[in-house]
Amino acid sequence: MFLEALGAALLGFALAWAAVHRLPDRLPARTVVLTTGTLGAVFGALVTHGALGPGHALPTLVGAVAISAVLLSLLIRPASRRLRRSAAA
């Protein structure tokens, strides 16, 4: 379980790091994103491990990444599309 949690934390951190570099203007502060990705993956590993039981390392890591991605998607803000309309229209 320890190695699954460590692997999940590393995968969650990598996913969050990729999100920070891919969408820097649509995410909050870097530390919030990296922490959310890492802790979300560890929580996902615990939930998946509890549901599947021991001996399912790969599905546990897949579940950890999935929950981390869901939590990171909740942090994304909408793109700033400012509509400029003229006063005469």
N, C-alpha and C. Protein backbone atom coordinates (compact mmCIF):
# COMPACT_ATOMS: atom_id res chain seq x y z
N MET A 1 0.82 -1.20 0.00
CA MET A 1 0.00 0.00 0.00
C MET A 1 0.87 1.26 0.00
N PHE A 2 2.01 1.19 0.69
CA PHE A 2 2.87 2.36 0.73
C PHE A 2 3.39 2.72 -0.65
N LEU A 3 3.79 1.72 -1.42
CA LEU A 3 4.30 2.00 -2.76
C LEU A 3 3.19 2.49 -3.68
N GLU A 4 1.97 1.98 -3.49
CA GLU A 4 0.85 2.49 -4.28
C GLU A 4 0.59 3.95 -3.96
N ALA A 5 0.63 4.31 -2.69
CA ALA A 5 0.40 5.70 -2.29
C ALA A 5 1.52 6.61 -2.80
N LEU A 6 2.74 6.14 -2.74
CA LEU A 6 3.87 6.93 -3.24
C LEU A 6 3.77 7.10 -4.76
N GLY A 7 3.45 6.02 -5.46
CA GLY A 7 3.28 6.11 -6.91
C GLY A 7 2.12 7.02 -7.28
N ALA A 8 1.04 6.94 -6.52
CA ALA A 8 -0.11 7.81 -6.79
C ALA A 8 0.26 9.27 -6.55
N ALA A 9 1.00 9.54 -5.50
CA ALA A 9 1.41 10.92 -5.21
C ALA A 9 2.30 11.46 -6.34
N LEU A 10 3.20 10.65 -6.84
CA LEU A 10 4.06 11.09 -7.93
C LEU A 10 3.27 11.31 -9.21
N LEU A 11 2.34 10.42 -9.50
CA LEU A 11 1.51 10.60 -10.69
C LEU A 11 0.60 11.83 -10.57
N GLY A 12 0.04 12.04 -9.39
CA GLY A 12 -0.79 13.23 -9.18
C GLY A 12 0.00 14.51 -9.29
N PHE A 13 1.21 14.50 -8.76
CA PHE A 13 2.08 15.67 -8.89
C PHE A 13 2.43 15.93 -10.35
N ALA A 14 2.73 14.87 -11.09
CA ALA A 14 3.07 15.03 -12.51
C ALA A 14 1.87 15.56 -13.30
N LEU A 15 0.69 15.06 -12.99
CA LEU A 15 -0.51 15.54 -13.66
C LEU A 15 -0.78 17.01 -13.34
N ALA A 16 -0.61 17.39 -12.09
CA ALA A 16 -0.81 18.78 -11.69
C ALA A 16 0.26 19.68 -12.31
N TRP A 17 1.48 19.21 -12.38
CA TRP A 17 2.55 20.00 -12.99
C TRP A 17 2.26 20.24 -14.47
N ALA A 18 1.77 19.20 -15.14
CA ALA A 18 1.42 19.35 -16.56
C ALA A 18 0.26 20.34 -16.72
N ALA A 19 -0.70 20.29 -15.82
CA ALA A 19 -1.83 21.22 -15.89
C ALA A 19 -1.37 22.66 -15.66
N VAL A 20 -0.45 22.85 -14.73
CA VAL A 20 0.06 24.20 -14.44
C VAL A 20 0.78 24.76 -15.66
N HIS A 21 1.52 23.94 -16.34
CA HIS A 21 2.26 24.42 -17.51
C HIS A 21 1.40 24.52 -18.76
N ARG A 22 0.33 23.76 -18.81
CA ARG A 22 -0.54 23.79 -19.99
C ARG A 22 -1.59 24.90 -19.89
N LEU A 23 -2.12 25.14 -18.69
CA LEU A 23 -3.18 26.14 -18.49
C LEU A 23 -2.82 27.12 -17.37
N PRO A 24 -1.74 27.86 -17.49
CA PRO A 24 -1.34 28.72 -16.37
C PRO A 24 -2.30 29.88 -16.11
N ASP A 25 -2.99 30.36 -17.14
CA ASP A 25 -3.87 31.51 -16.95
C ASP A 25 -5.26 31.12 -16.46
N ARG A 26 -5.59 29.84 -16.49
CA ARG A 26 -6.94 29.41 -16.10
C ARG A 26 -6.97 28.68 -14.77
N LEU A 27 -5.83 28.59 -14.09
CA LEU A 27 -5.75 27.89 -12.80
C LEU A 27 -5.36 28.86 -11.70
N PRO A 28 -5.71 28.54 -10.45
CA PRO A 28 -5.27 29.40 -9.34
C PRO A 28 -3.76 29.24 -9.10
N ALA A 29 -3.30 29.63 -7.96
CA ALA A 29 -1.87 29.63 -7.64
C ALA A 29 -1.26 28.23 -7.82
N ARG A 30 -0.01 28.21 -8.22
CA ARG A 30 0.69 26.96 -8.51
C ARG A 30 0.70 26.02 -7.31
N THR A 31 0.92 26.53 -6.12
CA THR A 31 0.97 25.67 -4.95
C THR A 31 -0.38 24.99 -4.68
N VAL A 32 -1.46 25.71 -4.94
CA VAL A 32 -2.79 25.12 -4.75
C VAL A 32 -3.01 23.98 -5.73
N VAL A 33 -2.62 24.18 -6.96
CA VAL A 33 -2.82 23.16 -8.00
C VAL A 33 -1.95 21.93 -7.71
N LEU A 34 -0.69 22.14 -7.38
CA LEU A 34 0.20 21.01 -7.11
C LEU A 34 -0.24 20.23 -5.88
N THR A 35 -0.69 20.93 -4.85
CA THR A 35 -1.17 20.26 -3.65
C THR A 35 -2.45 19.49 -3.93
N THR A 36 -3.37 20.10 -4.66
CA THR A 36 -4.63 19.43 -4.98
C THR A 36 -4.39 18.18 -5.82
N GLY A 37 -3.52 18.27 -6.80
CA GLY A 37 -3.23 17.10 -7.64
C GLY A 37 -2.61 15.96 -6.86
N THR A 38 -1.67 16.29 -6.00
CA THR A 38 -0.98 15.26 -5.22
C THR A 38 -1.91 14.62 -4.19
N LEU A 39 -2.58 15.46 -3.40
CA LEU A 39 -3.47 14.91 -2.38
C LEU A 39 -4.69 14.22 -2.97
N GLY A 40 -5.17 14.71 -4.11
CA GLY A 40 -6.28 14.06 -4.78
C GLY A 40 -5.91 12.67 -5.26
N ALA A 41 -4.70 12.51 -5.75
CA ALA A 41 -4.25 11.20 -6.20
C ALA A 41 -4.07 10.24 -5.02
N VAL A 42 -3.55 10.72 -3.91
CA VAL A 42 -3.41 9.86 -2.73
C VAL A 42 -4.79 9.45 -2.21
N PHE A 43 -5.72 10.39 -2.17
CA PHE A 43 -7.08 10.06 -1.76
C PHE A 43 -7.71 9.07 -2.73
N GLY A 44 -7.49 9.27 -4.02
CA GLY A 44 -8.01 8.35 -5.02
C GLY A 44 -7.43 6.95 -4.87
N ALA A 45 -6.15 6.87 -4.53
CA ALA A 45 -5.53 5.57 -4.31
C ALA A 45 -6.14 4.88 -3.09
N LEU A 46 -6.39 5.64 -2.04
CA LEU A 46 -7.01 5.05 -0.85
C LEU A 46 -8.41 4.54 -1.14
N VAL A 47 -9.19 5.33 -1.86
CA VAL A 47 -10.55 4.92 -2.19
C VAL A 47 -10.55 3.70 -3.10
N THR A 48 -9.71 3.73 -4.12
CA THR A 48 -9.67 2.61 -5.07
C THR A 48 -9.12 1.36 -4.41
N HIS A 49 -8.11 1.51 -3.57
CA HIS A 49 -7.56 0.36 -2.87
C HIS A 49 -8.60 -0.23 -1.91
N GLY A 50 -9.36 0.63 -1.27
CA GLY A 50 -10.41 0.15 -0.38
C GLY A 50 -11.51 -0.58 -1.13
N ALA A 51 -11.81 -0.13 -2.35
CA ALA A 51 -12.87 -0.77 -3.14
C ALA A 51 -12.41 -2.08 -3.76
N LEU A 52 -11.16 -2.13 -4.24
CA LEU A 52 -10.69 -3.32 -4.94
C LEU A 52 -9.96 -4.31 -4.04
N GLY A 53 -9.34 -3.82 -3.00
CA GLY A 53 -8.56 -4.68 -2.12
C GLY A 53 -7.12 -4.76 -2.57
N PRO A 54 -6.31 -5.48 -1.82
CA PRO A 54 -4.89 -5.59 -2.16
C PRO A 54 -4.67 -6.44 -3.41
N GLY A 55 -3.55 -6.21 -4.07
CA GLY A 55 -3.18 -6.99 -5.23
C GLY A 55 -3.60 -6.39 -6.55
N HIS A 56 -4.16 -5.20 -6.54
CA HIS A 56 -4.57 -4.54 -7.77
C HIS A 56 -3.85 -3.20 -7.88
N ALA A 57 -2.55 -3.25 -8.12
CA ALA A 57 -1.75 -2.02 -8.11
C ALA A 57 -2.08 -1.13 -9.31
N LEU A 58 -2.15 -1.69 -10.50
CA LEU A 58 -2.39 -0.88 -11.68
C LEU A 58 -3.78 -0.23 -11.68
N PRO A 59 -4.84 -0.97 -11.39
CA PRO A 59 -6.14 -0.30 -11.31
C PRO A 59 -6.22 0.75 -10.19
N THR A 60 -5.48 0.53 -9.12
CA THR A 60 -5.44 1.51 -8.04
C THR A 60 -4.81 2.81 -8.52
N LEU A 61 -3.72 2.71 -9.28
CA LEU A 61 -3.07 3.91 -9.80
C LEU A 61 -3.94 4.60 -10.85
N VAL A 62 -4.67 3.83 -11.64
CA VAL A 62 -5.57 4.43 -12.62
C VAL A 62 -6.69 5.19 -11.90
N GLY A 63 -7.24 4.60 -10.85
CA GLY A 63 -8.26 5.29 -10.07
C GLY A 63 -7.71 6.54 -9.39
N ALA A 64 -6.48 6.49 -8.94
CA ALA A 64 -5.86 7.65 -8.31
C ALA A 64 -5.70 8.79 -9.30
N VAL A 65 -5.25 8.48 -10.49
CA VAL A 65 -5.07 9.52 -11.52
C VAL A 65 -6.43 10.08 -11.94
N ALA A 66 -7.43 9.22 -12.02
CA ALA A 66 -8.76 9.69 -12.42
C ALA A 66 -9.34 10.66 -11.40
N ILE A 67 -9.23 10.35 -10.13
CA ILE A 67 -9.77 11.25 -9.11
C ILE A 67 -8.95 12.53 -9.04
N SER A 68 -7.65 12.43 -9.22
CA SER A 68 -6.81 13.63 -9.25
C SER A 68 -7.20 14.53 -10.42
N ALA A 69 -7.45 13.94 -11.58
CA ALA A 69 -7.85 14.73 -12.75
C ALA A 69 -9.21 15.39 -12.53
N VAL A 70 -10.12 14.71 -11.88
CA VAL A 70 -11.43 15.29 -11.59
C VAL A 70 -11.28 16.49 -10.65
N LEU A 71 -10.48 16.34 -9.61
CA LEU A 71 -10.28 17.45 -8.68
C LEU A 71 -9.58 18.63 -9.35
N LEU A 72 -8.62 18.34 -10.21
CA LEU A 72 -7.94 19.43 -10.91
C LEU A 72 -8.89 20.12 -11.88
N SER A 73 -9.80 19.39 -12.48
CA SER A 73 -10.73 20.01 -13.41
C SER A 73 -11.68 20.97 -12.68
N LEU A 74 -11.90 20.73 -11.40
CA LEU A 74 -12.76 21.64 -10.64
C LEU A 74 -12.08 22.98 -10.37
N LEU A 75 -10.77 23.03 -10.50
CA LEU A 75 -10.04 24.28 -10.27
C LEU A 75 -9.98 25.18 -11.50
N ILE A 76 -10.29 24.64 -12.66
CA ILE A 76 -10.15 25.40 -13.90
C ILE A 76 -11.23 26.47 -13.98
N ARG A 77 -10.78 27.69 -14.24
CA ARG A 77 -11.70 28.82 -14.42
C ARG A 77 -12.03 28.96 -15.90
N PRO A 78 -13.17 29.53 -16.20
CA PRO A 78 -13.51 29.74 -17.61
C PRO A 78 -12.51 30.69 -18.28
N ALA A 79 -12.35 30.51 -19.57
CA ALA A 79 -11.48 31.40 -20.33
C ALA A 79 -12.08 32.79 -20.35
N SER A 80 -11.24 33.77 -20.27
CA SER A 80 -11.73 35.15 -20.23
C SER A 80 -12.01 35.62 -21.65
N ARG A 81 -13.25 35.57 -22.01
CA ARG A 81 -13.69 36.05 -23.32
C ARG A 81 -14.54 37.29 -23.08
N ARG A 82 -13.92 38.38 -23.22
CA ARG A 82 -14.64 39.64 -22.99
C ARG A 82 -15.31 40.07 -24.28
N LEU A 83 -16.58 40.19 -24.23
CA LEU A 83 -17.32 40.65 -25.39
C LEU A 83 -17.30 42.16 -25.42
N ARG A 84 -16.88 42.69 -26.50
CA ARG A 84 -16.84 44.15 -26.64
C ARG A 84 -17.94 44.56 -27.60
N ARG A 85 -18.89 45.24 -27.08
CA ARG A 85 -20.00 45.71 -27.90
C ARG A 85 -19.97 47.22 -27.94
N SER A 86 -20.28 47.73 -29.07
CA SER A 86 -20.31 49.18 -29.18
C SER A 86 -21.59 49.73 -28.58
N ALA A 87 -21.55 50.95 -28.15
CA ALA A 87 -22.72 51.57 -27.54
C ALA A 87 -23.79 51.89 -28.57
N ALA A 88 -23.40 51.98 -29.84
CA ALA A 88 -24.36 52.34 -30.89
C ALA A 88 -25.21 51.15 -31.33
N ALA A 89 -24.78 49.94 -31.03
CA ALA A 89 -25.50 48.76 -31.54
C ALA A 89 -26.68 48.39 -30.74
